[in-house]
Amino acid sequence: MKKGLFFGKIFFFKRFKKTFPKKLGKKHYLQHKNQALELATSRTHFFNETYQVVFNKIKIRNQKTRWGSCSTKGNLSFNYRILFLSEKARDYIIVHELCHLKEFNHSKNFWALVEKVFPDYAEIRKEIKNNKLSI
């Protein structure tokens, strides 16, 4: 095997190091749900000082493909696994969903809102994409 090919394979497999294990069953979710709700509630209220949006409920779920979501009714949902992200990444997810309550799309206006708190949002998005949820 050529040296370059060997190191290429090492690099290829290293990118999967930060994925979450596939089988973190219901027990793991239930153990961390309340802690995730406390975190999400606290940080949502903190960042809402900047955005001043109206939201209803904050829910914690064991979502398989999403870190967060919001509904047109103003409900915010977050994946309990945000607990295991860096502080900056989980705050970004919360800000992202709050901004959707003002701009329910990914337009320039939406990204300008996100940029108010996270001017480096593109870098944070890369970090989050490296922490893929395994399905």
N, C-alpha and C. Protein backbone atom coordinates (compact mmCIF):
# COMPACT_ATOMS: atom_id res chain seq x y z
N MET A 1 0.85 -1.18 0.00
CA MET A 1 0.00 0.00 0.00
C MET A 1 0.89 1.24 0.00
N LYS A 2 0.56 2.18 -0.83
CA LYS A 2 1.34 3.42 -0.91
C LYS A 2 1.09 4.26 0.33
N LYS A 3 2.14 4.98 0.75
CA LYS A 3 2.07 5.80 1.96
C LYS A 3 0.93 6.83 1.90
N GLY A 4 0.79 7.54 0.78
CA GLY A 4 -0.26 8.56 0.64
C GLY A 4 -1.66 7.97 0.73
N LEU A 5 -1.84 6.79 0.17
CA LEU A 5 -3.14 6.14 0.21
C LEU A 5 -3.49 5.75 1.64
N PHE A 6 -2.49 5.26 2.38
CA PHE A 6 -2.70 4.87 3.77
C PHE A 6 -3.16 6.06 4.61
N PHE A 7 -2.46 7.19 4.50
CA PHE A 7 -2.82 8.38 5.27
C PHE A 7 -4.15 8.96 4.81
N GLY A 8 -4.46 8.79 3.55
CA GLY A 8 -5.76 9.23 3.05
C GLY A 8 -6.88 8.46 3.71
N LYS A 9 -6.71 7.16 3.92
CA LYS A 9 -7.73 6.35 4.58
C LYS A 9 -7.86 6.72 6.05
N ILE A 10 -6.73 7.00 6.70
CA ILE A 10 -6.79 7.43 8.10
C ILE A 10 -7.60 8.72 8.21
N PHE A 11 -7.32 9.67 7.33
CA PHE A 11 -8.07 10.93 7.33
C PHE A 11 -9.56 10.67 7.10
N PHE A 12 -9.86 9.78 6.16
CA PHE A 12 -11.25 9.45 5.83
C PHE A 12 -11.99 8.94 7.06
N PHE A 13 -11.39 8.02 7.80
CA PHE A 13 -12.07 7.44 8.95
C PHE A 13 -12.08 8.36 10.16
N LYS A 14 -11.12 9.26 10.28
CA LYS A 14 -11.10 10.20 11.40
C LYS A 14 -12.29 11.15 11.37
N ARG A 15 -12.81 11.43 10.18
CA ARG A 15 -13.94 12.36 10.14
C ARG A 15 -15.19 11.77 10.77
N PHE A 16 -15.24 10.48 10.98
CA PHE A 16 -16.41 9.86 11.59
C PHE A 16 -16.29 9.73 13.10
N LYS A 17 -15.18 10.17 13.66
CA LYS A 17 -14.95 10.05 15.09
C LYS A 17 -15.99 10.80 15.91
N LYS A 18 -16.45 11.92 15.42
CA LYS A 18 -17.33 12.77 16.22
C LYS A 18 -18.81 12.47 16.01
N THR A 19 -19.15 11.40 15.33
CA THR A 19 -20.56 11.07 15.18
C THR A 19 -21.06 10.44 16.47
N PHE A 20 -22.35 10.54 16.70
CA PHE A 20 -22.93 9.97 17.90
C PHE A 20 -23.20 8.49 17.67
N PRO A 21 -23.05 7.71 18.69
CA PRO A 21 -23.33 6.28 18.55
C PRO A 21 -24.76 6.03 18.07
N LYS A 22 -24.94 4.98 17.30
CA LYS A 22 -26.25 4.70 16.73
C LYS A 22 -27.27 4.30 17.79
N LYS A 23 -26.85 3.58 18.80
CA LYS A 23 -27.81 3.03 19.74
C LYS A 23 -27.67 3.68 21.11
N LEU A 24 -28.24 4.85 21.24
CA LEU A 24 -28.31 5.52 22.54
C LEU A 24 -29.75 5.45 22.99
N GLY A 25 -30.30 4.35 23.19
CA GLY A 25 -31.71 4.08 23.43
C GLY A 25 -32.49 5.08 24.26
N LYS A 26 -33.69 4.67 24.52
CA LYS A 26 -34.65 5.50 25.24
C LYS A 26 -34.17 5.83 26.65
N LYS A 27 -33.47 4.88 27.27
CA LYS A 27 -32.96 5.09 28.63
C LYS A 27 -32.00 6.29 28.67
N HIS A 28 -31.11 6.36 27.69
CA HIS A 28 -30.15 7.47 27.62
C HIS A 28 -30.89 8.79 27.45
N TYR A 29 -31.89 8.79 26.58
CA TYR A 29 -32.71 9.98 26.34
C TYR A 29 -33.39 10.42 27.64
N LEU A 30 -34.03 9.49 28.33
CA LEU A 30 -34.75 9.83 29.56
C LEU A 30 -33.81 10.32 30.66
N GLN A 31 -32.58 9.80 30.70
CA GLN A 31 -31.60 10.24 31.69
C GLN A 31 -31.18 11.69 31.47
N HIS A 32 -31.21 12.16 30.23
CA HIS A 32 -30.68 13.48 29.91
C HIS A 32 -31.74 14.50 29.50
N LYS A 33 -32.96 14.08 29.37
CA LYS A 33 -34.04 14.95 28.88
C LYS A 33 -34.22 16.20 29.76
N ASN A 34 -34.32 16.02 31.07
CA ASN A 34 -34.56 17.16 31.96
C ASN A 34 -33.39 18.14 31.97
N GLN A 35 -32.20 17.61 31.94
CA GLN A 35 -31.01 18.48 31.90
C GLN A 35 -30.99 19.28 30.59
N ALA A 36 -31.35 18.63 29.49
CA ALA A 36 -31.41 19.32 28.20
C ALA A 36 -32.50 20.39 28.20
N LEU A 37 -33.62 20.10 28.83
CA LEU A 37 -34.71 21.08 28.91
C LEU A 37 -34.28 22.30 29.72
N GLU A 38 -33.61 22.08 30.84
CA GLU A 38 -33.11 23.20 31.64
C GLU A 38 -32.15 24.06 30.84
N LEU A 39 -31.24 23.41 30.16
CA LEU A 39 -30.26 24.14 29.34
C LEU A 39 -30.95 24.93 28.23
N ALA A 40 -31.83 24.27 27.49
CA ALA A 40 -32.50 24.92 26.37
C ALA A 40 -33.37 26.08 26.84
N THR A 41 -34.06 25.90 27.93
CA THR A 41 -34.93 26.96 28.47
C THR A 41 -34.10 28.16 28.91
N SER A 42 -33.05 27.90 29.64
CA SER A 42 -32.19 28.97 30.13
C SER A 42 -31.56 29.76 28.98
N ARG A 43 -30.98 29.05 28.03
CA ARG A 43 -30.30 29.72 26.92
C ARG A 43 -31.29 30.40 25.97
N THR A 44 -32.47 29.84 25.80
CA THR A 44 -33.48 30.47 24.96
C THR A 44 -33.88 31.81 25.55
N HIS A 45 -34.13 31.84 26.85
CA HIS A 45 -34.49 33.11 27.50
C HIS A 45 -33.33 34.11 27.44
N PHE A 46 -32.11 33.63 27.60
CA PHE A 46 -30.95 34.50 27.52
C PHE A 46 -30.86 35.16 26.14
N PHE A 47 -30.94 34.37 25.08
CA PHE A 47 -30.81 34.93 23.73
C PHE A 47 -32.06 35.69 23.29
N ASN A 48 -33.17 35.41 23.91
CA ASN A 48 -34.37 36.14 23.55
C ASN A 48 -34.33 37.58 24.06
N GLU A 49 -33.42 37.89 24.97
CA GLU A 49 -33.20 39.28 25.36
C GLU A 49 -32.76 40.09 24.14
N THR A 50 -32.04 39.47 23.23
CA THR A 50 -31.59 40.13 22.00
C THR A 50 -32.68 40.17 20.95
N TYR A 51 -33.38 39.06 20.77
CA TYR A 51 -34.32 38.95 19.64
C TYR A 51 -35.76 39.36 19.96
N GLN A 52 -36.15 39.27 21.21
CA GLN A 52 -37.49 39.70 21.62
C GLN A 52 -38.60 39.07 20.76
N VAL A 53 -38.56 37.75 20.62
CA VAL A 53 -39.61 37.05 19.88
C VAL A 53 -40.55 36.38 20.87
N VAL A 54 -41.73 36.08 20.40
CA VAL A 54 -42.70 35.37 21.24
C VAL A 54 -42.64 33.89 20.87
N PHE A 55 -42.45 33.06 21.88
CA PHE A 55 -42.49 31.62 21.64
C PHE A 55 -43.39 30.99 22.69
N ASN A 56 -43.86 29.80 22.39
CA ASN A 56 -44.75 29.09 23.31
C ASN A 56 -43.96 28.08 24.13
N LYS A 57 -43.98 26.84 23.69
CA LYS A 57 -43.36 25.76 24.44
C LYS A 57 -41.94 25.47 23.95
N ILE A 58 -41.16 24.96 24.87
CA ILE A 58 -39.84 24.42 24.52
C ILE A 58 -39.92 22.93 24.82
N LYS A 59 -39.62 22.13 23.83
CA LYS A 59 -39.68 20.68 23.99
C LYS A 59 -38.32 20.06 23.72
N ILE A 60 -38.08 18.96 24.38
CA ILE A 60 -36.86 18.18 24.15
C ILE A 60 -37.29 16.85 23.56
N ARG A 61 -36.63 16.50 22.49
CA ARG A 61 -36.98 15.26 21.80
C ARG A 61 -35.73 14.44 21.51
N ASN A 62 -35.99 13.22 21.15
CA ASN A 62 -34.93 12.32 20.71
C ASN A 62 -35.04 12.22 19.19
N GLN A 63 -34.73 13.33 18.54
CA GLN A 63 -34.85 13.39 17.09
C GLN A 63 -33.68 12.67 16.44
N LYS A 64 -33.94 12.05 15.31
CA LYS A 64 -32.90 11.27 14.66
C LYS A 64 -32.12 12.07 13.63
N THR A 65 -32.69 13.11 13.09
CA THR A 65 -32.00 13.83 12.01
C THR A 65 -31.89 15.33 12.25
N ARG A 66 -32.46 15.85 13.30
CA ARG A 66 -32.45 17.30 13.52
C ARG A 66 -31.89 17.66 14.89
N TRP A 67 -31.20 18.78 14.91
CA TRP A 67 -30.71 19.33 16.17
C TRP A 67 -31.79 20.20 16.81
N GLY A 68 -32.61 20.83 15.98
CA GLY A 68 -33.66 21.69 16.50
C GLY A 68 -34.67 21.98 15.42
N SER A 69 -35.82 22.48 15.84
CA SER A 69 -36.85 22.89 14.89
C SER A 69 -37.80 23.86 15.59
N CYS A 70 -38.58 24.56 14.80
CA CYS A 70 -39.62 25.41 15.37
C CYS A 70 -40.85 25.31 14.50
N SER A 71 -41.98 25.54 15.12
CA SER A 71 -43.25 25.45 14.39
C SER A 71 -43.81 26.85 14.16
N THR A 72 -44.76 26.93 13.26
CA THR A 72 -45.41 28.21 12.99
C THR A 72 -46.23 28.67 14.20
N LYS A 73 -46.50 27.77 15.14
CA LYS A 73 -47.22 28.13 16.36
C LYS A 73 -46.28 28.68 17.44
N GLY A 74 -44.97 28.72 17.13
CA GLY A 74 -44.01 29.28 18.07
C GLY A 74 -43.46 28.27 19.06
N ASN A 75 -43.60 27.00 18.78
CA ASN A 75 -43.03 25.97 19.64
C ASN A 75 -41.62 25.64 19.17
N LEU A 76 -40.71 25.54 20.12
CA LEU A 76 -39.32 25.21 19.82
C LEU A 76 -39.02 23.79 20.30
N SER A 77 -38.37 23.02 19.46
CA SER A 77 -37.97 21.66 19.82
C SER A 77 -36.47 21.54 19.64
N PHE A 78 -35.84 20.88 20.60
CA PHE A 78 -34.41 20.66 20.53
C PHE A 78 -34.10 19.20 20.81
N ASN A 79 -33.08 18.72 20.15
CA ASN A 79 -32.61 17.37 20.37
C ASN A 79 -31.88 17.33 21.72
N TYR A 80 -32.16 16.32 22.52
CA TYR A 80 -31.51 16.24 23.83
C TYR A 80 -29.99 16.14 23.70
N ARG A 81 -29.49 15.72 22.56
CA ARG A 81 -28.05 15.55 22.36
C ARG A 81 -27.30 16.88 22.24
N ILE A 82 -28.04 18.01 22.26
CA ILE A 82 -27.32 19.29 22.27
C ILE A 82 -26.44 19.40 23.52
N LEU A 83 -26.79 18.63 24.54
CA LEU A 83 -25.98 18.61 25.77
C LEU A 83 -24.54 18.21 25.49
N PHE A 84 -24.32 17.43 24.46
CA PHE A 84 -23.01 16.86 24.20
C PHE A 84 -22.23 17.64 23.14
N LEU A 85 -22.76 18.77 22.71
CA LEU A 85 -22.06 19.65 21.78
C LEU A 85 -21.28 20.70 22.56
N SER A 86 -20.42 21.41 21.87
CA SER A 86 -19.73 22.52 22.53
C SER A 86 -20.77 23.59 22.89
N GLU A 87 -20.43 24.41 23.85
CA GLU A 87 -21.34 25.48 24.29
C GLU A 87 -21.72 26.38 23.11
N LYS A 88 -20.75 26.71 22.30
CA LYS A 88 -21.00 27.60 21.17
C LYS A 88 -21.94 26.95 20.15
N ALA A 89 -21.75 25.67 19.90
CA ALA A 89 -22.60 24.96 18.93
C ALA A 89 -24.03 24.86 19.43
N ARG A 90 -24.21 24.53 20.69
CA ARG A 90 -25.60 24.41 21.18
C ARG A 90 -26.26 25.78 21.26
N ASP A 91 -25.51 26.82 21.61
CA ASP A 91 -26.09 28.17 21.61
C ASP A 91 -26.48 28.58 20.20
N TYR A 92 -25.65 28.24 19.24
CA TYR A 92 -25.98 28.54 17.84
C TYR A 92 -27.30 27.88 17.44
N ILE A 93 -27.50 26.63 17.81
CA ILE A 93 -28.73 25.92 17.46
C ILE A 93 -29.94 26.64 18.06
N ILE A 94 -29.81 27.08 19.28
CA ILE A 94 -30.91 27.79 19.94
C ILE A 94 -31.18 29.12 19.24
N VAL A 95 -30.14 29.86 18.93
CA VAL A 95 -30.29 31.14 18.22
C VAL A 95 -30.91 30.90 16.84
N HIS A 96 -30.45 29.88 16.16
CA HIS A 96 -30.97 29.55 14.82
C HIS A 96 -32.49 29.38 14.88
N GLU A 97 -32.97 28.63 15.86
CA GLU A 97 -34.41 28.40 15.96
C GLU A 97 -35.16 29.65 16.39
N LEU A 98 -34.59 30.44 17.27
CA LEU A 98 -35.22 31.71 17.65
C LEU A 98 -35.36 32.63 16.44
N CYS A 99 -34.33 32.67 15.61
CA CYS A 99 -34.38 33.53 14.43
C CYS A 99 -35.46 33.09 13.44
N HIS A 100 -35.77 31.81 13.43
CA HIS A 100 -36.85 31.33 12.56
C HIS A 100 -38.21 31.89 12.99
N LEU A 101 -38.32 32.31 14.22
CA LEU A 101 -39.58 32.90 14.66
C LEU A 101 -39.79 34.29 14.08
N LYS A 102 -38.72 34.91 13.62
CA LYS A 102 -38.82 36.20 12.91
C LYS A 102 -38.80 35.99 11.40
N GLU A 103 -37.99 35.08 10.93
CA GLU A 103 -37.84 34.77 9.50
C GLU A 103 -37.96 33.26 9.35
N PHE A 104 -39.11 32.81 8.88
CA PHE A 104 -39.36 31.37 8.80
C PHE A 104 -38.79 30.80 7.50
N ASN A 105 -37.52 31.06 7.26
CA ASN A 105 -36.84 30.63 6.03
C ASN A 105 -35.34 30.77 6.26
N HIS A 106 -34.56 30.55 5.22
CA HIS A 106 -33.11 30.75 5.30
C HIS A 106 -32.68 31.85 4.33
N SER A 107 -33.39 32.95 4.36
CA SER A 107 -33.10 34.08 3.48
C SER A 107 -31.91 34.89 4.02
N LYS A 108 -31.53 35.92 3.26
CA LYS A 108 -30.46 36.82 3.73
C LYS A 108 -30.86 37.48 5.04
N ASN A 109 -32.12 37.82 5.17
CA ASN A 109 -32.61 38.45 6.41
C ASN A 109 -32.44 37.51 7.60
N PHE A 110 -32.73 36.23 7.38
CA PHE A 110 -32.56 35.24 8.43
C PHE A 110 -31.11 35.18 8.89
N TRP A 111 -30.19 35.03 7.92
CA TRP A 111 -28.77 34.91 8.28
C TRP A 111 -28.24 36.20 8.92
N ALA A 112 -28.80 37.35 8.55
CA ALA A 112 -28.41 38.60 9.19
C ALA A 112 -28.82 38.60 10.67
N LEU A 113 -29.96 38.01 10.97
CA LEU A 113 -30.39 37.88 12.37
C LEU A 113 -29.44 36.97 13.16
N VAL A 114 -29.10 35.84 12.58
CA VAL A 114 -28.18 34.91 13.24
C VAL A 114 -26.83 35.59 13.47
N GLU A 115 -26.40 36.34 12.47
CA GLU A 115 -25.09 36.99 12.51
C GLU A 115 -24.99 38.04 13.63
N LYS A 116 -26.12 38.57 14.09
CA LYS A 116 -26.09 39.53 15.20
C LYS A 116 -25.39 38.95 16.42
N VAL A 117 -25.63 37.68 16.69
CA VAL A 117 -25.05 37.03 17.86
C VAL A 117 -23.84 36.18 17.48
N PHE A 118 -23.89 35.59 16.30
CA PHE A 118 -22.81 34.70 15.85
C PHE A 118 -22.28 35.14 14.49
N PRO A 119 -21.37 36.13 14.49
CA PRO A 119 -20.80 36.56 13.20
C PRO A 119 -20.00 35.44 12.53
N ASP A 120 -19.58 34.45 13.30
CA ASP A 120 -18.83 33.31 12.75
C ASP A 120 -19.73 32.08 12.57
N TYR A 121 -21.01 32.31 12.29
CA TYR A 121 -21.97 31.20 12.21
C TYR A 121 -21.58 30.14 11.19
N ALA A 122 -20.90 30.51 10.12
CA ALA A 122 -20.51 29.52 9.10
C ALA A 122 -19.54 28.50 9.68
N GLU A 123 -18.62 28.95 10.52
CA GLU A 123 -17.67 28.03 11.16
C GLU A 123 -18.38 27.11 12.14
N ILE A 124 -19.33 27.65 12.87
CA ILE A 124 -20.06 26.84 13.84
C ILE A 124 -20.89 25.78 13.12
N ARG A 125 -21.48 26.16 11.99
CA ARG A 125 -22.25 25.19 11.19
C ARG A 125 -21.37 24.03 10.75
N LYS A 126 -20.12 24.32 10.40
CA LYS A 126 -19.19 23.25 10.01
C LYS A 126 -18.94 22.30 11.18
N GLU A 127 -18.76 22.87 12.37
CA GLU A 127 -18.54 22.03 13.55
C GLU A 127 -19.74 21.12 13.78
N ILE A 128 -20.93 21.67 13.65
CA ILE A 128 -22.14 20.90 13.89
C ILE A 128 -22.28 19.80 12.83
N LYS A 129 -21.95 20.11 11.60
CA LYS A 129 -22.02 19.09 10.55
C LYS A 129 -21.03 17.96 10.80
N ASN A 130 -19.92 18.25 11.46
CA ASN A 130 -18.96 17.21 11.82
C ASN A 130 -19.47 16.34 12.96
N ASN A 131 -20.43 16.85 13.72
CA ASN A 131 -21.05 16.08 14.80
C ASN A 131 -22.39 15.52 14.32
N LYS A 132 -22.33 14.75 13.27
CA LYS A 132 -23.56 14.24 12.65
C LYS A 132 -24.31 13.31 13.60
N LEU A 133 -25.61 13.39 13.50
CA LEU A 133 -26.44 12.44 14.23
C LEU A 133 -26.45 11.14 13.45
N SER A 134 -26.17 10.06 14.10
CA SER A 134 -26.23 8.76 13.43
C SER A 134 -27.66 8.25 13.49
N ILE A 135 -28.08 7.69 12.40
CA ILE A 135 -29.45 7.20 12.35
C ILE A 135 -29.42 5.68 12.21
